[in-house]
Amino acid sequence: MRRVLRAGVVLFIVGLWMLAARPGASARADTVCTGTLAGAGTTVADTIIVPTGASCAVSDSEIDGNLTVEPGAALALNDATVTGSITLATGASLHAVEITLTGNVIATGAALIDVEASTVSGNIVANATLGTITISATSLIGNLILAGGGGAVAVVSNTVTGTILITWNDPASVLYADNTVVGTAICNDAPCDS
């Protein structure tokens, strides 16, 4: 009983320490975006939330925080630097052009994912995407993992330092061309055709 109690106290303290150790954990607030946010070289030091059904456009800005796109919402990023990750909920959309992202793009059941002419220092992971995924002319330092989606996929003219793994419901709907991959590229259990 003592051992269990001690383990519980240790886990509780470690959890508190992890919360307190997060950079800016107490100083940040959430910014809700339902239109155009920032612009003209503005820096936003918050987590940005695009609420259910809303649209948010961010251009020529620096975002020092994560972006969360709730169900049915849409986020458009143009010429933005994001120090954080982007999370897409079911039915959410992302259109990103000429962005620099130091985190990941994580999506489950997204309606649309479009990343073009960008640099992503993390991973792009999409599961059960409902619509189209386009990753083009992008430098990806991490991995590209696309699994179990229903729409068309275009992975074209990218440089990927990690691995590409595509397991799609309809292999015929995957366009894979002109990519440079340092790791392995697997499309539906076979090497991807370049």
C-alpha atoms as a PDB file:
ATOM      1  CA  MET A   1       0.000   0.000   0.000  1.00  0.00           C
ATOM      2  CA  ARG A   2       2.830   2.385   0.893  1.00  0.00           C
ATOM      3  CA  ARG A   3       4.591   1.638  -2.387  1.00  0.00           C
ATOM      4  CA  VAL A   4       1.424   2.459  -4.367  1.00  0.00           C
ATOM      5  CA  LEU A   5       0.907   5.686  -2.410  1.00  0.00           C
ATOM      6  CA  ARG A   6       4.543   6.718  -2.935  1.00  0.00           C
ATOM      7  CA  ALA A   7       4.304   5.990  -6.668  1.00  0.00           C
ATOM      8  CA  GLY A   8       1.119   8.060  -6.891  1.00  0.00           C
ATOM      9  CA  VAL A   9       2.733  11.005  -5.093  1.00  0.00           C
ATOM     10  CA  VAL A  10       5.813  10.811  -7.316  1.00  0.00           C
ATOM     11  CA  LEU A  11       3.676  10.769 -10.479  1.00  0.00           C
ATOM     12  CA  PHE A  12       1.648  13.719  -9.183  1.00  0.00           C
ATOM     13  CA  ILE A  13       4.796  15.744  -8.465  1.00  0.00           C
ATOM     14  CA  VAL A  14       6.334  14.877 -11.825  1.00  0.00           C
ATOM     15  CA  GLY A  15       3.090  15.933 -13.541  1.00  0.00           C
ATOM     16  CA  LEU A  16       3.077  19.273 -11.715  1.00  0.00           C
ATOM     17  CA  TRP A  17       6.728  19.796 -12.545  1.00  0.00           C
ATOM     18  CA  MET A  18       6.066  19.119 -16.242  1.00  0.00           C
ATOM     19  CA  LEU A  19       3.219  21.630 -16.293  1.00  0.00           C
ATOM     20  CA  ALA A  20       5.285  24.265 -14.539  1.00  0.00           C
ATOM     21  CA  ALA A  21       8.320  23.632 -16.759  1.00  0.00           C
ATOM     22  CA  ARG A  22       6.481  24.361 -20.004  1.00  0.00           C
ATOM     23  CA  PRO A  23       7.773  27.603 -21.483  1.00  0.00           C
ATOM     24  CA  GLY A  24       5.253  30.367 -20.939  1.00  0.00           C
ATOM     25  CA  ALA A  25       2.695  28.002 -19.420  1.00  0.00           C
ATOM     26  CA  SER A  26       1.318  30.582 -17.047  1.00  0.00           C
ATOM     27  CA  ALA A  27       1.953  33.618 -19.254  1.00  0.00           C
ATOM     28  CA  ARG A  28       0.031  32.494 -22.346  1.00  0.00           C
ATOM     29  CA  ALA A  29      -3.573  32.908 -23.146  1.00  0.00           C
ATOM     30  CA  ASP A  30      -5.540  31.527 -26.057  1.00  0.00           C
ATOM     31  CA  THR A  31      -6.370  33.754 -29.007  1.00  0.00           C
ATOM     32  CA  VAL A  32      -9.582  32.900 -30.847  1.00  0.00           C
ATOM     33  CA  CYS A  33      -9.465  33.680 -34.557  1.00  0.00           C
ATOM     34  CA  THR A  34     -12.663  34.105 -36.577  1.00  0.00           C
ATOM     35  CA  GLY A  35     -11.468  36.279 -39.439  1.00  0.00           C
ATOM     36  CA  THR A  36      -8.117  37.824 -40.256  1.00  0.00           C
ATOM     37  CA  LEU A  37      -5.466  37.686 -37.574  1.00  0.00           C
ATOM     38  CA  ALA A  38      -2.455  39.951 -37.407  1.00  0.00           C
ATOM     39  CA  GLY A  39      -0.470  40.721 -40.526  1.00  0.00           C
ATOM     40  CA  ALA A  40       2.251  43.124 -41.651  1.00  0.00           C
ATOM     41  CA  GLY A  41       4.999  41.565 -39.556  1.00  0.00           C
ATOM     42  CA  THR A  42       2.951  41.068 -36.394  1.00  0.00           C
ATOM     43  CA  THR A  43       3.999  38.568 -33.719  1.00  0.00           C
ATOM     44  CA  VAL A  44       1.335  36.667 -31.769  1.00  0.00           C
ATOM     45  CA  ALA A  45       2.590  34.888 -28.642  1.00  0.00           C
ATOM     46  CA  ASP A  46      -0.468  32.772 -27.934  1.00  0.00           C
ATOM     47  CA  THR A  47      -2.091  29.494 -28.806  1.00  0.00           C
ATOM     48  CA  ILE A  48      -4.497  30.265 -31.633  1.00  0.00           C
ATOM     49  CA  ILE A  49      -7.830  28.469 -31.759  1.00  0.00           C
ATOM     50  CA  VAL A  50     -10.067  28.515 -34.820  1.00  0.00           C
ATOM     51  CA  PRO A  51     -13.479  27.609 -33.353  1.00  0.00           C
ATOM     52  CA  THR A  52     -15.929  25.147 -34.832  1.00  0.00           C
ATOM     53  CA  GLY A  53     -17.203  26.286 -38.228  1.00  0.00           C
ATOM     54  CA  ALA A  54     -15.107  29.483 -38.324  1.00  0.00           C
ATOM     55  CA  SER A  55     -12.422  30.582 -40.778  1.00  0.00           C
ATOM     56  CA  CYS A  56      -9.117  32.236 -39.902  1.00  0.00           C
ATOM     57  CA  ALA A  57      -6.540  33.811 -42.231  1.00  0.00           C
ATOM     58  CA  VAL A  58      -3.016  34.596 -41.028  1.00  0.00           C
ATOM     59  CA  SER A  59      -0.410  36.187 -43.284  1.00  0.00           C
ATOM     60  CA  ASP A  60       2.953  37.881 -42.934  1.00  0.00           C
ATOM     61  CA  SER A  61       3.066  37.063 -39.215  1.00  0.00           C
ATOM     62  CA  GLU A  62       4.970  35.146 -36.574  1.00  0.00           C
ATOM     63  CA  ILE A  63       3.005  32.825 -34.309  1.00  0.00           C
ATOM     64  CA  ASP A  64       4.766  31.748 -31.111  1.00  0.00           C
ATOM     65  CA  GLY A  65       2.367  28.997 -30.063  1.00  0.00           C
ATOM     66  CA  ASN A  66       0.250  26.153 -31.337  1.00  0.00           C
ATOM     67  CA  LEU A  67      -2.683  26.391 -33.728  1.00  0.00           C
ATOM     68  CA  THR A  68      -5.803  24.316 -33.102  1.00  0.00           C
ATOM     69  CA  VAL A  69      -8.417  24.076 -35.847  1.00  0.00           C
ATOM     70  CA  GLU A  70     -11.668  22.753 -34.403  1.00  0.00           C
ATOM     71  CA  PRO A  71     -14.272  20.615 -36.252  1.00  0.00           C
ATOM     72  CA  GLY A  72     -15.436  22.140 -39.530  1.00  0.00           C
ATOM     73  CA  ALA A  73     -13.138  25.170 -39.192  1.00  0.00           C
ATOM     74  CA  ALA A  74     -10.642  26.432 -41.785  1.00  0.00           C
ATOM     75  CA  LEU A  75      -7.164  27.930 -41.356  1.00  0.00           C
ATOM     76  CA  ALA A  76      -5.278  29.729 -44.140  1.00  0.00           C
ATOM     77  CA  LEU A  77      -1.606  30.548 -43.510  1.00  0.00           C
ATOM     78  CA  ASN A  78       0.424  32.580 -45.976  1.00  0.00           C
ATOM     79  CA  ASP A  79       4.027  33.689 -45.448  1.00  0.00           C
ATOM     80  CA  ALA A  80       3.877  32.899 -41.727  1.00  0.00           C
ATOM     81  CA  THR A  81       6.362  31.504 -39.222  1.00  0.00           C
ATOM     82  CA  VAL A  82       4.868  29.197 -36.606  1.00  0.00           C
ATOM     83  CA  THR A  83       6.872  28.122 -33.556  1.00  0.00           C
ATOM     84  CA  GLY A  84       4.561  25.324 -32.497  1.00  0.00           C
ATOM     85  CA  SER A  85       2.325  22.666 -34.034  1.00  0.00           C
ATOM     86  CA  ILE A  86      -0.922  22.668 -36.001  1.00  0.00           C
ATOM     87  CA  THR A  87      -3.710  20.284 -34.985  1.00  0.00           C
ATOM     88  CA  LEU A  88      -6.743  19.679 -37.226  1.00  0.00           C
ATOM     89  CA  ALA A  89      -9.957  18.132 -35.901  1.00  0.00           C
ATOM     90  CA  THR A  90     -12.562  16.206 -37.897  1.00  0.00           C
ATOM     91  CA  GLY A  91     -13.791  18.201 -40.886  1.00  0.00           C
ATOM     92  CA  ALA A  92     -11.168  20.952 -40.417  1.00  0.00           C
ATOM     93  CA  SER A  93      -9.143  22.420 -43.296  1.00  0.00           C
ATOM     94  CA  LEU A  94      -5.596  23.762 -43.620  1.00  0.00           C
ATOM     95  CA  HIS A  95      -4.239  25.764 -46.540  1.00  0.00           C
ATOM     96  CA  ALA A  96      -0.584  26.736 -45.917  1.00  0.00           C
ATOM     97  CA  VAL A  97       1.631  28.480 -48.459  1.00  0.00           C
ATOM     98  CA  GLU A  98       5.212  29.617 -47.845  1.00  0.00           C
ATOM     99  CA  ILE A  99       5.183  28.917 -44.122  1.00  0.00           C
ATOM    100  CA  THR A 100       7.944  27.901 -41.748  1.00  0.00           C
ATOM    101  CA  LEU A 101       6.697  25.497 -39.072  1.00  0.00           C
ATOM    102  CA  THR A 102       8.929  24.248 -36.256  1.00  0.00           C
ATOM    103  CA  GLY A 103       6.407  21.687 -35.024  1.00  0.00           C
ATOM    104  CA  ASN A 104       4.081  19.069 -36.473  1.00  0.00           C
ATOM    105  CA  VAL A 105       0.883  18.998 -38.501  1.00  0.00           C
ATOM    106  CA  ILE A 106      -1.428  16.431 -36.899  1.00  0.00           C
ATOM    107  CA  ALA A 107      -4.858  15.711 -38.425  1.00  0.00           C
ATOM    108  CA  THR A 108      -7.578  13.160 -37.800  1.00  0.00           C
ATOM    109  CA  GLY A 109     -10.541  13.189 -40.165  1.00  0.00           C
ATOM    110  CA  ALA A 110      -9.596  16.533 -41.738  1.00  0.00           C
ATOM    111  CA  ALA A 111     -11.536  17.806 -44.755  1.00  0.00           C
ATOM    112  CA  LEU A 112      -8.498  19.280 -46.553  1.00  0.00           C
ATOM    113  CA  ILE A 113      -4.748  19.542 -46.029  1.00  0.00           C
ATOM    114  CA  ASP A 114      -2.756  21.692 -48.448  1.00  0.00           C
ATOM    115  CA  VAL A 115       0.890  22.526 -47.648  1.00  0.00           C
ATOM    116  CA  GLU A 116       2.828  24.204 -50.468  1.00  0.00           C
ATOM    117  CA  ALA A 117       6.293  25.767 -50.804  1.00  0.00           C
ATOM    118  CA  SER A 118       6.901  25.502 -47.069  1.00  0.00           C
ATOM    119  CA  THR A 119       9.439  24.260 -44.528  1.00  0.00           C
ATOM    120  CA  VAL A 120       8.232  21.901 -41.795  1.00  0.00           C
ATOM    121  CA  SER A 121      10.748  20.903 -39.098  1.00  0.00           C
ATOM    122  CA  GLY A 122       8.444  18.285 -37.589  1.00  0.00           C
ATOM    123  CA  ASN A 123       6.175  15.590 -38.992  1.00  0.00           C
ATOM    124  CA  ILE A 124       3.022  15.720 -41.077  1.00  0.00           C
ATOM    125  CA  VAL A 125       0.642  13.005 -39.874  1.00  0.00           C
ATOM    126  CA  ALA A 126      -2.885  12.622 -41.273  1.00  0.00           C
ATOM    127  CA  ASN A 127      -5.267   9.814 -40.417  1.00  0.00           C
ATOM    128  CA  ALA A 128      -8.674   9.160 -41.997  1.00  0.00           C
ATOM    129  CA  THR A 129      -8.667  12.374 -44.021  1.00  0.00           C
ATOM    130  CA  LEU A 130     -12.043  12.957 -45.646  1.00  0.00           C
ATOM    131  CA  GLY A 131     -10.893  15.148 -48.517  1.00  0.00           C
ATOM    132  CA  THR A 132      -7.827  16.053 -50.528  1.00  0.00           C
ATOM    133  CA  ILE A 133      -4.248  16.166 -49.275  1.00  0.00           C
ATOM    134  CA  THR A 134      -1.629  18.114 -51.235  1.00  0.00           C
ATOM    135  CA  ILE A 135       1.958  18.345 -50.049  1.00  0.00           C
ATOM    136  CA  SER A 136       4.075  20.054 -52.713  1.00  0.00           C
ATOM    137  CA  ALA A 137       7.411  21.850 -53.074  1.00  0.00           C
ATOM    138  CA  THR A 138       7.925  21.500 -49.319  1.00  0.00           C
ATOM    139  CA  SER A 139      11.007  20.719 -47.266  1.00  0.00           C
ATOM    140  CA  LEU A 140      10.048  18.292 -44.510  1.00  0.00           C
ATOM    141  CA  ILE A 141      12.664  17.575 -41.847  1.00  0.00           C
ATOM    142  CA  GLY A 142      10.523  14.861 -40.224  1.00  0.00           C
ATOM    143  CA  ASN A 143       8.236  12.150 -41.575  1.00  0.00           C
ATOM    144  CA  LEU A 144       5.168  12.226 -43.806  1.00  0.00           C
ATOM    145  CA  ILE A 145       2.570   9.686 -42.680  1.00  0.00           C
ATOM    146  CA  LEU A 146      -0.804   9.535 -44.455  1.00  0.00           C
ATOM    147  CA  ALA A 147      -3.146   6.718 -43.442  1.00  0.00           C
ATOM    148  CA  GLY A 148      -6.636   5.542 -44.286  1.00  0.00           C
ATOM    149  CA  GLY A 149      -8.056   8.516 -46.123  1.00  0.00           C
ATOM    150  CA  GLY A 150     -10.750   8.733 -48.751  1.00  0.00           C
ATOM    151  CA  GLY A 151      -9.811  11.690 -50.949  1.00  0.00           C
ATOM    152  CA  ALA A 152      -7.115  12.278 -53.512  1.00  0.00           C
ATOM    153  CA  VAL A 153      -3.468  12.629 -52.428  1.00  0.00           C
ATOM    154  CA  ALA A 154      -0.716  14.565 -54.218  1.00  0.00           C
ATOM    155  CA  VAL A 155       2.815  14.338 -52.824  1.00  0.00           C
ATOM    156  CA  VAL A 156       4.896  16.170 -55.423  1.00  0.00           C
ATOM    157  CA  SER A 157       8.337  17.824 -55.595  1.00  0.00           C
ATOM    158  CA  ASN A 158       9.167  17.608 -51.885  1.00  0.00           C
ATOM    159  CA  THR A 159      12.420  17.052 -50.038  1.00  0.00           C
ATOM    160  CA  VAL A 160      11.879  14.748 -47.053  1.00  0.00           C
ATOM    161  CA  THR A 161      14.642  13.972 -44.565  1.00  0.00           C
ATOM    162  CA  GLY A 162      12.604  11.293 -42.797  1.00  0.00           C
ATOM    163  CA  THR A 163      10.299   8.591 -44.083  1.00  0.00           C
ATOM    164  CA  ILE A 164       7.196   8.727 -46.250  1.00  0.00           C
ATOM    165  CA  LEU A 165       4.501   6.183 -45.423  1.00  0.00           C
ATOM    166  CA  ILE A 166       1.228   6.308 -47.352  1.00  0.00           C
ATOM    167  CA  THR A 167      -1.451   3.670 -46.712  1.00  0.00           C
ATOM    168  CA  TRP A 168      -4.505   4.918 -48.570  1.00  0.00           C
ATOM    169  CA  ASN A 169      -7.969   3.431 -49.054  1.00  0.00           C
ATOM    170  CA  ASP A 170      -7.779   3.911 -52.828  1.00  0.00           C
ATOM    171  CA  PRO A 171      -4.167   3.530 -54.012  1.00  0.00           C
ATOM    172  CA  ALA A 172      -5.159   4.779 -57.480  1.00  0.00           C
ATOM    173  CA  SER A 173      -5.977   8.209 -55.989  1.00  0.00           C
ATOM    174  CA  VAL A 174      -2.351   8.779 -54.855  1.00  0.00           C
ATOM    175  CA  LEU A 175      -0.095  10.949 -57.043  1.00  0.00           C
ATOM    176  CA  TYR A 176       3.526  10.578 -55.926  1.00  0.00           C
ATOM    177  CA  ALA A 177       6.143  12.281 -58.109  1.00  0.00           C
ATOM    178  CA  ASP A 178       9.539  14.006 -58.111  1.00  0.00           C
ATOM    179  CA  ASN A 179      10.237  13.687 -54.377  1.00  0.00           C
ATOM    180  CA  THR A 180      13.685  13.456 -52.814  1.00  0.00           C
ATOM    181  CA  VAL A 181      13.557  11.209 -49.734  1.00  0.00           C
ATOM    182  CA  VAL A 182      16.515  10.478 -47.463  1.00  0.00           C
ATOM    183  CA  GLY A 183      14.608   7.776 -45.581  1.00  0.00           C
ATOM    184  CA  THR A 184      12.246   5.178 -47.012  1.00  0.00           C
ATOM    185  CA  ALA A 185       9.199   5.913 -49.178  1.00  0.00           C
ATOM    186  CA  ILE A 186       6.425   3.290 -48.902  1.00  0.00           C
ATOM    187  CA  CYS A 187       3.059   3.612 -50.639  1.00  0.00           C
ATOM    188  CA  ASN A 188       0.484   0.927 -49.778  1.00  0.00           C
ATOM    189  CA  ASP A 189       3.072  -1.656 -48.708  1.00  0.00           C
ATOM    190  CA  ALA A 190       5.388  -1.156 -51.704  1.00  0.00           C
ATOM    191  CA  PRO A 191       8.086   1.367 -52.624  1.00  0.00           C
ATOM    192  CA  CYS A 192       6.525   4.594 -53.901  1.00  0.00           C
ATOM    193  CA  ASP A 193       6.906   5.222 -57.613  1.00  0.00           C
ATOM    194  CA  SER A 194       8.798   8.400 -58.294  1.00  0.00           C
END
